[in-house]
């Protein structure tokens, strides 16, 4: 998209919400809704994405803009549908599938097992893990926990879980980051554990590396968003 503005600023409206101004005109979402924010920090991050000294702007690379616009355009008013999208990953969470290959299994035990233990310690609930391609059916108490968890937290948190699970297929990893059990770097490494293991064995592929770099940037934005929610 050709850059159509010269100045970018953050202002606060009469209601105390923050908005981004492009040449003093309020920025809208893709569906032309008002982009009003309660967090000045998030507003500043979006403004930084738009404040590029280039002739052509890449809207697809604006991850904070995407997160916030998705919340306004698609999450608000559709919370139950979005919850169901996250809940669809409860039985098939990516860190429930352990390998029977010894070296990879050791990495999974070291990385994933502590998250499952932390979840059990905090909730009293145990996940069933598998070592084949079958999808386990988790206890109804686990499903009930997640329904309550997603309902009790803010819409922004629901947005973060929807974005994260669609990216890495693991509500548990997003939960672990949000509750300070893992770092951003661990979130990335644990989400791509098997793929990174294959890189160690067989070497790097340029296109796969480029894709992983994109995932890491997505996770960096997601974690910053979670920290500010």
Foldseek 3Di string as FASTA:
>chain_A
DFDDADDWDWDADPVRWIFIQGNHHTDAAPVRHGQTHNDPVLRVLQSVQSPDPDRDHDPVLRLSSVLSSCLVPPCVPCVVVLLVLLLVLPQVAPLQAAEPPPVLNVVSCVQPVVLQVVCCVVPVAHFHHYHDDDGDDGDVVSSVVSVCVSVVDDSSVSSLSSLVCVLQSHSSLVVCLLVVNDDLVSSLCNSCVVVVVVCVVPNDDPVVVVVSVVSSSSSVSSSVSSVRD
